[in-house]
Every structure is written in C-alpha cells, then in structure tokens.
Amino acid sequence: MSEVPGLPEGGPATLEGVRDFLRITDGTDDDRITAVVAAVNARVRSWPCCLDSVDAEEFTANVTEGATMLAGRLFRRRESPAGVAAFGELGPVYVMRNDPDVAMLLNLGTWSRPQVG
C-alpha cells in the first residue's frame, strides 16, 4: 500500500511522543525508538484512518494517539521476543495478539469504516 496523498509532514508518531508515552526520560534507546517510529509511521500513513488528516496542518488526535500507542507497544515487544510477557503463578502470560485500544483509535478490524466496492 502506498501513502495517502496530502498528509501533514512527519508523524503521526514522534520520538518525543513515544518517549513520553513510555515514560522514558533518558536518550539511551532513542535509536531503537526512532526506528520503530519510522516503521509505524510508514504503515499508518497508508491506512484509511489518515483520510481525515488529508490537507490538514496536523494529524487528528486519534491517529496521533493510536500511532504513538502502537509504536510504544512495538518498542516494548523487544522485551518479549517469544511472546511471553511474564511468568505468573499459573504459568506464562502471553502478549495479546491485538490491542483493542489501538484498533479503535486507528479504525482497524471491527472498528473500520464500512466500505463499498
């Protein structure tokens, strides 16, 4: 898929936004966060959720927040490469396959707009 034409420059996710979302205060992981932000932005900028931001000065709040949450989730995913988030008394706790909050903000899955054709 290609980028939706007419979108604002940069974003919707930013390094600063993801650092704030994850409460990271130092710059130790900035290179990795920047790579994740670039990947998320490339993907999100091709999705229909961005259509409301065409010819605007900035992305809509839901797209910015959803992209930031997705980037934060992907960055934290490095701590659970096998899909195991933690071990509890009943065994392993796995990473959720889908995040319903991100889906809602970015109009994904059951939150997507109906389309004809």
PDB file of N, CA and C in Angstrom:
ATOM      1  N   MET A   1       0.840  -1.179   0.000  1.00  0.00           N
ATOM      2  CA  MET A   1       0.000   0.000   0.000  1.00  0.00           C
ATOM      3  C   MET A   1       0.881   1.237   0.000  1.00  0.00           C
ATOM      4  N   SER A   2       0.417   2.253  -0.656  1.00  0.00           N
ATOM      5  CA  SER A   2       1.181   3.492  -0.699  1.00  0.00           C
ATOM      6  C   SER A   2       0.569   4.512   0.255  1.00  0.00           C
ATOM      7  N   GLU A   3       1.353   5.524   0.546  1.00  0.00           N
ATOM      8  CA  GLU A   3       0.932   6.564   1.481  1.00  0.00           C
ATOM      9  C   GLU A   3      -0.274   7.326   0.937  1.00  0.00           C
ATOM     10  N   VAL A   4      -1.162   7.684   1.835  1.00  0.00           N
ATOM     11  CA  VAL A   4      -2.319   8.503   1.466  1.00  0.00           C
ATOM     12  C   VAL A   4      -1.782   9.876   1.060  1.00  0.00           C
ATOM     13  N   PRO A   5      -2.092  10.371  -0.141  1.00  0.00           N
ATOM     14  CA  PRO A   5      -1.567  11.672  -0.563  1.00  0.00           C
ATOM     15  C   PRO A   5      -2.191  12.826   0.221  1.00  0.00           C
ATOM     16  N   GLY A   6      -1.388  13.888   0.423  1.00  0.00           N
ATOM     17  CA  GLY A   6      -1.870  15.107   1.057  1.00  0.00           C
ATOM     18  C   GLY A   6      -1.792  15.129   2.570  1.00  0.00           C
ATOM     19  N   LEU A   7      -1.036  14.198   3.170  1.00  0.00           N
ATOM     20  CA  LEU A   7      -0.927  14.159   4.631  1.00  0.00           C
ATOM     21  C   LEU A   7       0.069  15.192   5.152  1.00  0.00           C
ATOM     22  N   PRO A   8      -0.069  15.591   6.419  1.00  0.00           N
ATOM     23  CA  PRO A   8       0.905  16.506   7.016  1.00  0.00           C
ATOM     24  C   PRO A   8       2.304  15.888   7.006  1.00  0.00           C
ATOM     25  N   GLU A   9       3.322  16.719   7.048  1.00  0.00           N
ATOM     26  CA  GLU A   9       4.706  16.243   7.083  1.00  0.00           C
ATOM     27  C   GLU A   9       4.981  15.543   8.412  1.00  0.00           C
ATOM     28  N   GLY A  10       5.834  14.524   8.368  1.00  0.00           N
ATOM     29  CA  GLY A  10       6.225  13.819   9.583  1.00  0.00           C
ATOM     30  C   GLY A  10       5.070  13.049  10.187  1.00  0.00           C
ATOM     31  N   GLY A  11       5.324  12.420  11.307  1.00  0.00           N
ATOM     32  CA  GLY A  11       4.317  11.755  12.112  1.00  0.00           C
ATOM     33  C   GLY A  11       3.438  10.771  11.377  1.00  0.00           C
ATOM     34  N   PRO A  12       2.440  10.306  12.041  1.00  0.00           N
ATOM     35  CA  PRO A  12       1.808  10.841  13.233  1.00  0.00           C
ATOM     36  C   PRO A  12       2.535  10.561  14.552  1.00  0.00           C
ATOM     37  N   ALA A  13       3.275   9.459  14.649  1.00  0.00           N
ATOM     38  CA  ALA A  13       4.032   9.190  15.870  1.00  0.00           C
ATOM     39  C   ALA A  13       5.346   9.964  15.824  1.00  0.00           C
ATOM     40  N   THR A  14       5.828  10.348  16.986  1.00  0.00           N
ATOM     41  CA  THR A  14       7.108  11.048  17.085  1.00  0.00           C
ATOM     42  C   THR A  14       7.958  10.410  18.181  1.00  0.00           C
ATOM     43  N   LEU A  15       9.254  10.616  18.102  1.00  0.00           N
ATOM     44  CA  LEU A  15      10.166  10.120  19.128  1.00  0.00           C
ATOM     45  C   LEU A  15       9.760  10.658  20.494  1.00  0.00           C
ATOM     46  N   GLU A  16       9.510  11.950  20.564  1.00  0.00           N
ATOM     47  CA  GLU A  16       9.162  12.580  21.842  1.00  0.00           C
ATOM     48  C   GLU A  16       7.851  12.034  22.390  1.00  0.00           C
ATOM     49  N   GLY A  17       6.874  11.851  21.505  1.00  0.00           N
ATOM     50  CA  GLY A  17       5.587  11.319  21.929  1.00  0.00           C
ATOM     51  C   GLY A  17       5.689   9.912  22.484  1.00  0.00           C
ATOM     52  N   VAL A  18       6.478   9.069  21.834  1.00  0.00           N
ATOM     53  CA  VAL A  18       6.642   7.691  22.296  1.00  0.00           C
ATOM     54  C   VAL A  18       7.423   7.665  23.606  1.00  0.00           C
ATOM     55  N   ARG A  19       8.471   8.477  23.707  1.00  0.00           N
ATOM     56  CA  ARG A  19       9.227   8.543  24.969  1.00  0.00           C
ATOM     57  C   ARG A  19       8.320   8.988  26.114  1.00  0.00           C
ATOM     58  N   ASP A  20       7.471   9.962  25.869  1.00  0.00           N
ATOM     59  CA  ASP A  20       6.545  10.432  26.896  1.00  0.00           C
ATOM     60  C   ASP A  20       5.531   9.347  27.242  1.00  0.00           C
ATOM     61  N   PHE A  21       4.989   8.670  26.241  1.00  0.00           N
ATOM     62  CA  PHE A  21       4.015   7.606  26.449  1.00  0.00           C
ATOM     63  C   PHE A  21       4.600   6.477  27.302  1.00  0.00           C
ATOM     64  N   LEU A  22       5.864   6.135  27.053  1.00  0.00           N
ATOM     65  CA  LEU A  22       6.525   5.048  27.779  1.00  0.00           C
ATOM     66  C   LEU A  22       7.215   5.515  29.059  1.00  0.00           C
ATOM     67  N   ARG A  23       7.177   6.823  29.307  1.00  0.00           N
ATOM     68  CA  ARG A  23       7.824   7.426  30.489  1.00  0.00           C
ATOM     69  C   ARG A  23       9.319   7.149  30.502  1.00  0.00           C
ATOM     70  N   ILE A  24       9.934   7.292  29.340  1.00  0.00           N
ATOM     71  CA  ILE A  24      11.381   7.135  29.213  1.00  0.00           C
ATOM     72  C   ILE A  24      11.993   8.530  29.259  1.00  0.00           C
ATOM     73  N   THR A  25      12.885   8.762  30.198  1.00  0.00           N
ATOM     74  CA  THR A  25      13.438  10.107  30.369  1.00  0.00           C
ATOM     75  C   THR A  25      14.840  10.274  29.803  1.00  0.00           C
ATOM     76  N   ASP A  26      15.543   9.180  29.590  1.00  0.00           N
ATOM     77  CA  ASP A  26      16.893   9.322  29.028  1.00  0.00           C
ATOM     78  C   ASP A  26      16.880   8.994  27.541  1.00  0.00           C
ATOM     79  N   GLY A  27      17.971   9.249  26.870  1.00  0.00           N
ATOM     80  CA  GLY A  27      18.047   9.026  25.430  1.00  0.00           C
ATOM     81  C   GLY A  27      18.722   7.730  25.053  1.00  0.00           C
ATOM     82  N   THR A  28      18.844   6.812  25.990  1.00  0.00           N
ATOM     83  CA  THR A  28      19.564   5.563  25.754  1.00  0.00           C
ATOM     84  C   THR A  28      19.016   4.771  24.577  1.00  0.00           C
ATOM     85  N   ASP A  29      17.705   4.703  24.463  1.00  0.00           N
ATOM     86  CA  ASP A  29      17.066   3.885  23.429  1.00  0.00           C
ATOM     87  C   ASP A  29      16.548   4.692  22.249  1.00  0.00           C
ATOM     88  N   ASP A  30      16.987   5.927  22.102  1.00  0.00           N
ATOM     89  CA  ASP A  30      16.448   6.790  21.050  1.00  0.00           C
ATOM     90  C   ASP A  30      16.613   6.222  19.648  1.00  0.00           C
ATOM     91  N   ASP A  31      17.737   5.561  19.376  1.00  0.00           N
ATOM     92  CA  ASP A  31      17.938   4.993  18.035  1.00  0.00           C
ATOM     93  C   ASP A  31      16.901   3.916  17.738  1.00  0.00           C
ATOM     94  N   ARG A  32      16.635   3.053  18.711  1.00  0.00           N
ATOM     95  CA  ARG A  32      15.659   1.985  18.513  1.00  0.00           C
ATOM     96  C   ARG A  32      14.239   2.543  18.426  1.00  0.00           C
ATOM     97  N   ILE A  33      13.921   3.513  19.290  1.00  0.00           N
ATOM     98  CA  ILE A  33      12.592   4.127  19.245  1.00  0.00           C
ATOM     99  C   ILE A  33      12.386   4.830  17.917  1.00  0.00           C
ATOM    100  N   THR A  34      13.397   5.523  17.419  1.00  0.00           N
ATOM    101  CA  THR A  34      13.307   6.218  16.141  1.00  0.00           C
ATOM    102  C   THR A  34      13.021   5.241  15.002  1.00  0.00           C
ATOM    103  N   ALA A  35      13.658   4.077  15.044  1.00  0.00           N
ATOM    104  CA  ALA A  35      13.416   3.066  14.012  1.00  0.00           C
ATOM    105  C   ALA A  35      11.983   2.539  14.082  1.00  0.00           C
ATOM    106  N   VAL A  36      11.493   2.314  15.283  1.00  0.00           N
ATOM    107  CA  VAL A  36      10.117   1.833  15.453  1.00  0.00           C
ATOM    108  C   VAL A  36       9.121   2.900  15.006  1.00  0.00           C
ATOM    109  N   VAL A  37       9.382   4.153  15.365  1.00  0.00           N
ATOM    110  CA  VAL A  37       8.504   5.258  14.964  1.00  0.00           C
ATOM    111  C   VAL A  37       8.446   5.367  13.442  1.00  0.00           C
ATOM    112  N   ALA A  38       9.585   5.239  12.781  1.00  0.00           N
ATOM    113  CA  ALA A  38       9.612   5.317  11.317  1.00  0.00           C
ATOM    114  C   ALA A  38       8.799   4.185  10.693  1.00  0.00           C
ATOM    115  N   ALA A  39       8.923   2.971  11.239  1.00  0.00           N
ATOM    116  CA  ALA A  39       8.174   1.832  10.713  1.00  0.00           C
ATOM    117  C   ALA A  39       6.674   2.016  10.930  1.00  0.00           C
ATOM    118  N   VAL A  40       6.293   2.466  12.111  1.00  0.00           N
ATOM    119  CA  VAL A  40       4.875   2.687  12.410  1.00  0.00           C
ATOM    120  C   VAL A  40       4.313   3.780  11.514  1.00  0.00           C
ATOM    121  N   ASN A  41       5.036   4.881  11.365  1.00  0.00           N
ATOM    122  CA  ASN A  41       4.558   5.975  10.526  1.00  0.00           C
ATOM    123  C   ASN A  41       4.396   5.540   9.074  1.00  0.00           C
ATOM    124  N   ALA A  42       5.340   4.747   8.575  1.00  0.00           N
ATOM    125  CA  ALA A  42       5.232   4.274   7.192  1.00  0.00           C
ATOM    126  C   ALA A  42       3.973   3.433   7.010  1.00  0.00           C
ATOM    127  N   ARG A  43       3.660   2.607   7.991  1.00  0.00           N
ATOM    128  CA  ARG A  43       2.485   1.751   7.896  1.00  0.00           C
ATOM    129  C   ARG A  43       1.192   2.554   8.080  1.00  0.00           C
ATOM    130  N   VAL A  44       1.128   3.358   9.133  1.00  0.00           N
ATOM    131  CA  VAL A  44      -0.103   4.084   9.454  1.00  0.00           C
ATOM    132  C   VAL A  44      -0.450   5.094   8.365  1.00  0.00           C
ATOM    133  N   ARG A  45       0.546   5.723   7.766  1.00  0.00           N
ATOM    134  CA  ARG A  45       0.296   6.729   6.730  1.00  0.00           C
ATOM    135  C   ARG A  45      -0.339   6.124   5.471  1.00  0.00           C
ATOM    136  N   SER A  46      -0.390   4.796   5.387  1.00  0.00           N
ATOM    137  CA  SER A  46      -1.030   4.153   4.231  1.00  0.00           C
ATOM    138  C   SER A  46      -2.434   3.648   4.560  1.00  0.00           C
ATOM    139  N   TRP A  47      -2.861   3.799   5.797  1.00  0.00           N
ATOM    140  CA  TRP A  47      -4.168   3.279   6.215  1.00  0.00           C
ATOM    141  C   TRP A  47      -5.266   4.323   6.053  1.00  0.00           C
ATOM    142  N   PRO A  48      -6.498   3.875   5.830  1.00  0.00           N
ATOM    143  CA  PRO A  48      -7.629   4.798   5.658  1.00  0.00           C
ATOM    144  C   PRO A  48      -7.884   5.711   6.865  1.00  0.00           C
ATOM    145  N   CYS A  49      -7.405   5.340   8.051  1.00  0.00           N
ATOM    146  CA  CYS A  49      -7.624   6.186   9.227  1.00  0.00           C
ATOM    147  C   CYS A  49      -7.038   7.578   9.041  1.00  0.00           C
ATOM    148  N   CYS A  50      -6.102   7.721   8.124  1.00  0.00           N
ATOM    149  CA  CYS A  50      -5.446   9.009   7.900  1.00  0.00           C
ATOM    150  C   CYS A  50      -6.228   9.933   6.971  1.00  0.00           C
ATOM    151  N   LEU A  51      -7.285   9.435   6.365  1.00  0.00           N
ATOM    152  CA  LEU A  51      -8.028  10.242   5.394  1.00  0.00           C
ATOM    153  C   LEU A  51      -8.562  11.545   5.988  1.00  0.00           C
ATOM    154  N   ASP A  52      -8.920  11.543   7.269  1.00  0.00           N
ATOM    155  CA  ASP A  52      -9.417  12.765   7.909  1.00  0.00           C
ATOM    156  C   ASP A  52      -8.319  13.808   8.103  1.00  0.00           C
ATOM    157  N   SER A  53      -7.048  13.403   7.955  1.00  0.00           N
ATOM    158  CA  SER A  53      -5.927  14.323   8.147  1.00  0.00           C
ATOM    159  C   SER A  53      -5.404  14.904   6.837  1.00  0.00           C
ATOM    160  N   VAL A  54      -5.989  14.487   5.713  1.00  0.00           N
ATOM    161  CA  VAL A  54      -5.538  14.992   4.408  1.00  0.00           C
ATOM    162  C   VAL A  54      -5.758  16.506   4.337  1.00  0.00           C
ATOM    163  N   ASP A  55      -4.759  17.195   3.854  1.00  0.00           N
ATOM    164  CA  ASP A  55      -4.770  18.651   3.692  1.00  0.00           C
ATOM    165  C   ASP A  55      -4.968  19.397   5.018  1.00  0.00           C
ATOM    166  N   ALA A  56      -4.601  18.773   6.119  1.00  0.00           N
ATOM    167  CA  ALA A  56      -4.663  19.426   7.428  1.00  0.00           C
ATOM    168  C   ALA A  56      -3.244  19.785   7.852  1.00  0.00           C
ATOM    169  N   GLU A  57      -3.129  20.635   8.848  1.00  0.00           N
ATOM    170  CA  GLU A  57      -1.809  21.022   9.342  1.00  0.00           C
ATOM    171  C   GLU A  57      -1.198  19.950  10.231  1.00  0.00           C
ATOM    172  N   GLU A  58      -2.040  19.138  10.865  1.00  0.00           N
ATOM    173  CA  GLU A  58      -1.533  18.059  11.704  1.00  0.00           C
ATOM    174  C   GLU A  58      -2.516  16.896  11.677  1.00  0.00           C
ATOM    175  N   PHE A  59      -2.052  15.741  12.143  1.00  0.00           N
ATOM    176  CA  PHE A  59      -2.902  14.554  12.171  1.00  0.00           C
ATOM    177  C   PHE A  59      -3.979  14.704  13.229  1.00  0.00           C
ATOM    178  N   THR A  60      -5.097  14.003  13.023  1.00  0.00           N
ATOM    179  CA  THR A  60      -6.157  14.026  14.027  1.00  0.00           C
ATOM    180  C   THR A  60      -5.630  13.407  15.317  1.00  0.00           C
ATOM    181  N   ALA A  61      -6.244  13.774  16.423  1.00  0.00           N
ATOM    182  CA  ALA A  61      -5.784  13.313  17.737  1.00  0.00           C
ATOM    183  C   ALA A  61      -5.841  11.795  17.860  1.00  0.00           C
ATOM    184  N   ASN A  62      -6.877  11.167  17.304  1.00  0.00           N
ATOM    185  CA  ASN A  62      -6.981   9.712  17.434  1.00  0.00           C
ATOM    186  C   ASN A  62      -5.883   8.995  16.650  1.00  0.00           C
ATOM    187  N   VAL A  63      -5.515   9.512  15.489  1.00  0.00           N
ATOM    188  CA  VAL A  63      -4.447   8.883  14.701  1.00  0.00           C
ATOM    189  C   VAL A  63      -3.104   9.074  15.397  1.00  0.00           C
ATOM    190  N   THR A  64      -2.859  10.261  15.928  1.00  0.00           N
ATOM    191  CA  THR A  64      -1.602  10.520  16.629  1.00  0.00           C
ATOM    192  C   THR A  64      -1.480   9.621  17.859  1.00  0.00           C
ATOM    193  N   GLU A  65      -2.542   9.539  18.654  1.00  0.00           N
ATOM    194  CA  GLU A  65      -2.502   8.708  19.860  1.00  0.00           C
ATOM    195  C   GLU A  65      -2.402   7.233  19.510  1.00  0.00           C
ATOM    196  N   GLY A  66      -3.145   6.781  18.522  1.00  0.00           N
ATOM    197  CA  GLY A  66      -3.087   5.376  18.123  1.00  0.00           C
ATOM    198  C   GLY A  66      -1.712   4.987  17.596  1.00  0.00           C
ATOM    199  N   ALA A  67      -1.112   5.833  16.774  1.00  0.00           N
ATOM    200  CA  ALA A  67       0.219   5.551  16.241  1.00  0.00           C
ATOM    201  C   ALA A  67       1.261   5.556  17.357  1.00  0.00           C
ATOM    202  N   THR A  68       1.112   6.462  18.315  1.00  0.00           N
ATOM    203  CA  THR A  68       2.038   6.525  19.446  1.00  0.00           C
ATOM    204  C   THR A  68       1.917   5.268  20.301  1.00  0.00           C
ATOM    205  N   MET A  69       0.686   4.833  20.557  1.00  0.00           N
ATOM    206  CA  MET A  69       0.472   3.616  21.336  1.00  0.00           C
ATOM    207  C   MET A  69       1.025   2.391  20.603  1.00  0.00           C
ATOM    208  N   LEU A  70       0.823   2.332  19.301  1.00  0.00           N
ATOM    209  CA  LEU A  70       1.336   1.213  18.517  1.00  0.00           C
ATOM    210  C   LEU A  70       2.861   1.194  18.542  1.00  0.00           C
ATOM    211  N   ALA A  71       3.496   2.349  18.394  1.00  0.00           N
ATOM    212  CA  ALA A  71       4.956   2.416  18.444  1.00  0.00           C
ATOM    213  C   ALA A  71       5.465   2.006  19.830  1.00  0.00           C
ATOM    214  N   GLY A  72       4.797   2.457  20.874  1.00  0.00           N
ATOM    215  CA  GLY A  72       5.185   2.065  22.225  1.00  0.00           C
ATOM    216  C   GLY A  72       5.059   0.568  22.429  1.00  0.00           C
ATOM    217  N   ARG A  73       3.985   0.004  21.926  1.00  0.00           N
ATOM    218  CA  ARG A  73       3.760  -1.442  22.040  1.00  0.00           C
ATOM    219  C   ARG A  73       4.856  -2.218  21.301  1.00  0.00           C
ATOM    220  N   LEU A  74       5.185  -1.783  20.089  1.00  0.00           N
ATOM    221  CA  LEU A  74       6.221  -2.470  19.325  1.00  0.00           C
ATOM    222  C   LEU A  74       7.596  -2.323  19.967  1.00  0.00           C
ATOM    223  N   PHE A  75       7.874  -1.151  20.538  1.00  0.00           N
ATOM    224  CA  PHE A  75       9.148  -0.962  21.218  1.00  0.00           C
ATOM    225  C   PHE A  75       9.240  -1.892  22.432  1.00  0.00           C
ATOM    226  N   ARG A  76       8.199  -1.978  23.228  1.00  0.00           N
ATOM    227  CA  ARG A  76       8.196  -2.850  24.408  1.00  0.00           C
ATOM    228  C   ARG A  76       8.193  -4.324  24.019  1.00  0.00           C
ATOM    229  N   ARG A  77       7.781  -4.629  22.819  1.00  0.00           N
ATOM    230  CA  ARG A  77       7.729  -6.020  22.342  1.00  0.00           C
ATOM    231  C   ARG A  77       9.104  -6.655  22.309  1.00  0.00           C
ATOM    232  N   ARG A  78      10.153  -5.863  22.230  1.00  0.00           N
ATOM    233  CA  ARG A  78      11.516  -6.402  22.201  1.00  0.00           C
ATOM    234  C   ARG A  78      11.852  -7.128  23.495  1.00  0.00           C
ATOM    235  N   GLU A  79      11.117  -6.816  24.561  1.00  0.00           N
ATOM    236  CA  GLU A  79      11.350  -7.461  25.853  1.00  0.00           C
ATOM    237  C   GLU A  79      10.654  -8.821  25.947  1.00  0.00           C
ATOM    238  N   SER A  80       9.882  -9.158  24.926  1.00  0.00           N
ATOM    239  CA  SER A  80       9.177 -10.445  24.921  1.00  0.00           C
ATOM    240  C   SER A  80       9.217 -11.063  23.528  1.00  0.00           C
ATOM    241  N   PRO A  81      10.417 -11.368  23.028  1.00  0.00           N
ATOM    242  CA  PRO A  81      10.533 -11.853  21.651  1.00  0.00           C
ATOM    243  C   PRO A  81       9.803 -13.158  21.384  1.00  0.00           C
ATOM    244  N   ALA A  82       9.607 -13.998  22.382  1.00  0.00           N
ATOM    245  CA  ALA A  82       8.908 -15.260  22.177  1.00  0.00           C
ATOM    246  C   ALA A  82       7.410 -15.137  22.466  1.00  0.00           C
ATOM    247  N   GLY A  83       6.965 -13.907  22.766  1.00  0.00           N
ATOM    248  CA  GLY A  83       5.552 -13.697  23.040  1.00  0.00           C
ATOM    249  C   GLY A  83       5.175 -13.883  24.496  1.00  0.00           C
ATOM    250  N   VAL A  84       6.152 -14.155  25.351  1.00  0.00           N
ATOM    251  CA  VAL A  84       5.882 -14.333  26.776  1.00  0.00           C
ATOM    252  C   VAL A  84       6.178 -13.013  27.479  1.00  0.00           C
ATOM    253  N   ALA A  85       5.148 -12.422  28.065  1.00  0.00           N
ATOM    254  CA  ALA A  85       5.305 -11.131  28.736  1.00  0.00           C
ATOM    255  C   ALA A  85       5.821 -11.290  30.161  1.00  0.00           C
ATOM    256  N   ALA A  86       5.388 -12.350  30.828  1.00  0.00           N
ATOM    257  CA  ALA A  86       5.797 -12.579  32.214  1.00  0.00           C
ATOM    258  C   ALA A  86       5.443 -14.012  32.606  1.00  0.00           C
ATOM    259  N   PHE A  87       5.926 -14.407  33.776  1.00  0.00           N
ATOM    260  CA  PHE A  87       5.556 -15.702  34.334  1.00  0.00           C
ATOM    261  C   PHE A  87       4.800 -15.455  35.616  1.00  0.00           C
ATOM    262  N   GLY A  88       3.599 -16.001  35.692  1.00  0.00           N
ATOM    263  CA  GLY A  88       2.780 -15.882  36.881  1.00  0.00           C
ATOM    264  C   GLY A  88       2.687 -17.210  37.598  1.00  0.00           C
ATOM    265  N   GLU A  89       1.905 -17.253  38.656  1.00  0.00           N
ATOM    266  CA  GLU A  89       1.777 -18.489  39.410  1.00  0.00           C
ATOM    267  C   GLU A  89       1.055 -19.583  38.631  1.00  0.00           C
ATOM    268  N   LEU A  90       0.309 -19.187  37.592  1.00  0.00           N
ATOM    269  CA  LEU A  90      -0.383 -20.169  36.762  1.00  0.00           C
ATOM    270  C   LEU A  90       0.358 -20.473  35.466  1.00  0.00           C
ATOM    271  N   GLY A  91       1.563 -19.954  35.334  1.00  0.00           N
ATOM    272  CA  GLY A  91       2.345 -20.204  34.136  1.00  0.00           C
ATOM    273  C   GLY A  91       2.622 -18.919  33.369  1.00  0.00           C
ATOM    274  N   PRO A  92       2.993 -19.053  32.103  1.00  0.00           N
ATOM    275  CA  PRO A  92       3.354 -17.873  31.326  1.00  0.00           C
ATOM    276  C   PRO A  92       2.159 -16.981  30.985  1.00  0.00           C
ATOM    277  N   VAL A  93       2.419 -15.679  30.928  1.00  0.00           N
ATOM    278  CA  VAL A  93       1.425 -14.698  30.494  1.00  0.00           C
ATOM    279  C   VAL A  93       1.890 -14.208  29.134  1.00  0.00           C
ATOM    280  N   TYR A  94       1.068 -14.389  28.120  1.00  0.00           N
ATOM    281  CA  TYR A  94       1.473 -14.071  26.754  1.00  0.00           C
ATOM    282  C   TYR A  94       1.043 -12.663  26.347  1.00  0.00           C
ATOM    283  N   VAL A  95       1.762 -12.102  25.387  1.00  0.00           N
ATOM    284  CA  VAL A  95       1.428 -10.814  24.809  1.00  0.00           C
ATOM    285  C   VAL A  95       0.131 -10.966  24.017  1.00  0.00           C
ATOM    286  N   MET A  96      -0.788 -10.002  24.176  1.00  0.00           N
ATOM    287  CA  MET A  96      -2.033 -10.052  23.409  1.00  0.00           C
ATOM    288  C   MET A  96      -1.741  -9.950  21.920  1.00  0.00           C
ATOM    289  N   ARG A  97      -2.495 -10.675  21.146  1.00  0.00           N
ATOM    290  CA  ARG A  97      -2.302 -10.634  19.692  1.00  0.00           C
ATOM    291  C   ARG A  97      -2.690  -9.274  19.126  1.00  0.00           C
ATOM    292  N   ASN A  98      -3.807  -8.731  19.595  1.00  0.00           N
ATOM    293  CA  ASN A  98      -4.291  -7.439  19.107  1.00  0.00           C
ATOM    294  C   ASN A  98      -4.560  -6.524  20.294  1.00  0.00           C
ATOM    295  N   ASP A  99      -4.366  -5.257  20.087  1.00  0.00           N
ATOM    296  CA  ASP A  99      -4.657  -4.273  21.122  1.00  0.00           C
ATOM    297  C   ASP A  99      -5.939  -3.550  20.727  1.00  0.00           C
ATOM    298  N   PRO A 100      -7.036  -3.762  21.448  1.00  0.00           N
ATOM    299  CA  PRO A 100      -8.311  -3.167  21.058  1.00  0.00           C
ATOM    300  C   PRO A 100      -8.304  -1.638  21.107  1.00  0.00           C
ATOM    301  N   ASP A 101      -7.507  -1.045  21.978  1.00  0.00           N
ATOM    302  CA  ASP A 101      -7.439   0.416  22.048  1.00  0.00           C
ATOM    303  C   ASP A 101      -6.782   1.004  20.797  1.00  0.00           C
ATOM    304  N   VAL A 102      -5.710   0.373  20.337  1.00  0.00           N
ATOM    305  CA  VAL A 102      -5.048   0.827  19.110  1.00  0.00           C
ATOM    306  C   VAL A 102      -5.993   0.639  17.932  1.00  0.00           C
ATOM    307  N   ALA A 103      -6.683  -0.498  17.875  1.00  0.00           N
ATOM    308  CA  ALA A 103      -7.630  -0.761  16.794  1.00  0.00           C
ATOM    309  C   ALA A 103      -8.724   0.299  16.754  1.00  0.00           C
ATOM    310  N   MET A 104      -9.229   0.682  17.917  1.00  0.00           N
ATOM    311  CA  MET A 104     -10.284   1.688  17.974  1.00  0.00           C
ATOM    312  C   MET A 104      -9.777   3.037  17.466  1.00  0.00           C
ATOM    313  N   LEU A 105      -8.594   3.442  17.921  1.00  0.00           N
ATOM    314  CA  LEU A 105      -8.068   4.749  17.535  1.00  0.00           C
ATOM    315  C   LEU A 105      -7.700   4.833  16.057  1.00  0.00           C
ATOM    316  N   LEU A 106      -7.265   3.705  15.493  1.00  0.00           N
ATOM    317  CA  LEU A 106      -6.823   3.703  14.093  1.00  0.00           C
ATOM    318  C   LEU A 106      -7.853   3.087  13.143  1.00  0.00           C
ATOM    319  N   ASN A 107      -9.079   2.871  13.634  1.00  0.00           N
ATOM    320  CA  ASN A 107     -10.161   2.323  12.804  1.00  0.00           C
ATOM    321  C   ASN A 107      -9.763   1.010  12.137  1.00  0.00           C
ATOM    322  N   LEU A 108      -9.242   0.071  12.919  1.00  0.00           N
ATOM    323  CA  LEU A 108      -8.820  -1.217  12.402  1.00  0.00           C
ATOM    324  C   LEU A 108      -9.805  -2.307  12.806  1.00  0.00           C
ATOM    325  N   GLY A 109      -9.831  -3.400  12.052  1.00  0.00           N
ATOM    326  CA  GLY A 109     -10.677  -4.542  12.395  1.00  0.00           C
ATOM    327  C   GLY A 109     -12.146  -4.176  12.487  1.00  0.00           C
ATOM    328  N   THR A 110     -12.761  -4.537  13.603  1.00  0.00           N
ATOM    329  CA  THR A 110     -14.194  -4.257  13.768  1.00  0.00           C
ATOM    330  C   THR A 110     -14.484  -2.774  13.882  1.00  0.00           C
ATOM    331  N   TRP A 111     -13.477  -1.957  14.085  1.00  0.00           N
ATOM    332  CA  TRP A 111     -13.655  -0.509  14.173  1.00  0.00           C
ATOM    333  C   TRP A 111     -13.527   0.175  12.820  1.00  0.00           C
ATOM    334  N   SER A 112     -13.206  -0.573  11.757  1.00  0.00           N
ATOM    335  CA  SER A 112     -13.034   0.056  10.453  1.00  0.00           C
ATOM    336  C   SER A 112     -14.356   0.562   9.899  1.00  0.00           C
ATOM    337  N   ARG A 113     -14.276   1.579   9.085  1.00  0.00           N
ATOM    338  CA  ARG A 113     -15.458   2.151   8.468  1.00  0.00           C
ATOM    339  C   ARG A 113     -15.978   1.220   7.384  1.00  0.00           C
ATOM    340  N   PRO A 114     -17.276   1.122   7.247  1.00  0.00           N
ATOM    341  CA  PRO A 114     -17.816   0.289   6.167  1.00  0.00           C
ATOM    342  C   PRO A 114     -17.377   0.840   4.804  1.00  0.00           C
ATOM    343  N   GLN A 115     -17.078  -0.074   3.892  1.00  0.00           N
ATOM    344  CA  GLN A 115     -16.641   0.336   2.557  1.00  0.00           C
ATOM    345  C   GLN A 115     -17.497  -0.378   1.515  1.00  0.00           C
ATOM    346  N   VAL A 116     -17.689   0.284   0.425  1.00  0.00           N
ATOM    347  CA  VAL A 116     -18.433  -0.291  -0.690  1.00  0.00           C
ATOM    348  C   VAL A 116     -17.463  -0.459  -1.849  1.00  0.00           C
ATOM    349  N   GLY A 117     -17.464  -1.628  -2.433  1.00  0.00           N
ATOM    350  CA  GLY A 117     -16.666  -1.870  -3.620  1.00  0.00           C
ATOM    351  C   GLY A 117     -15.315  -2.361  -3.422  1.00  0.00           C
TER     352      GLY A 117
END
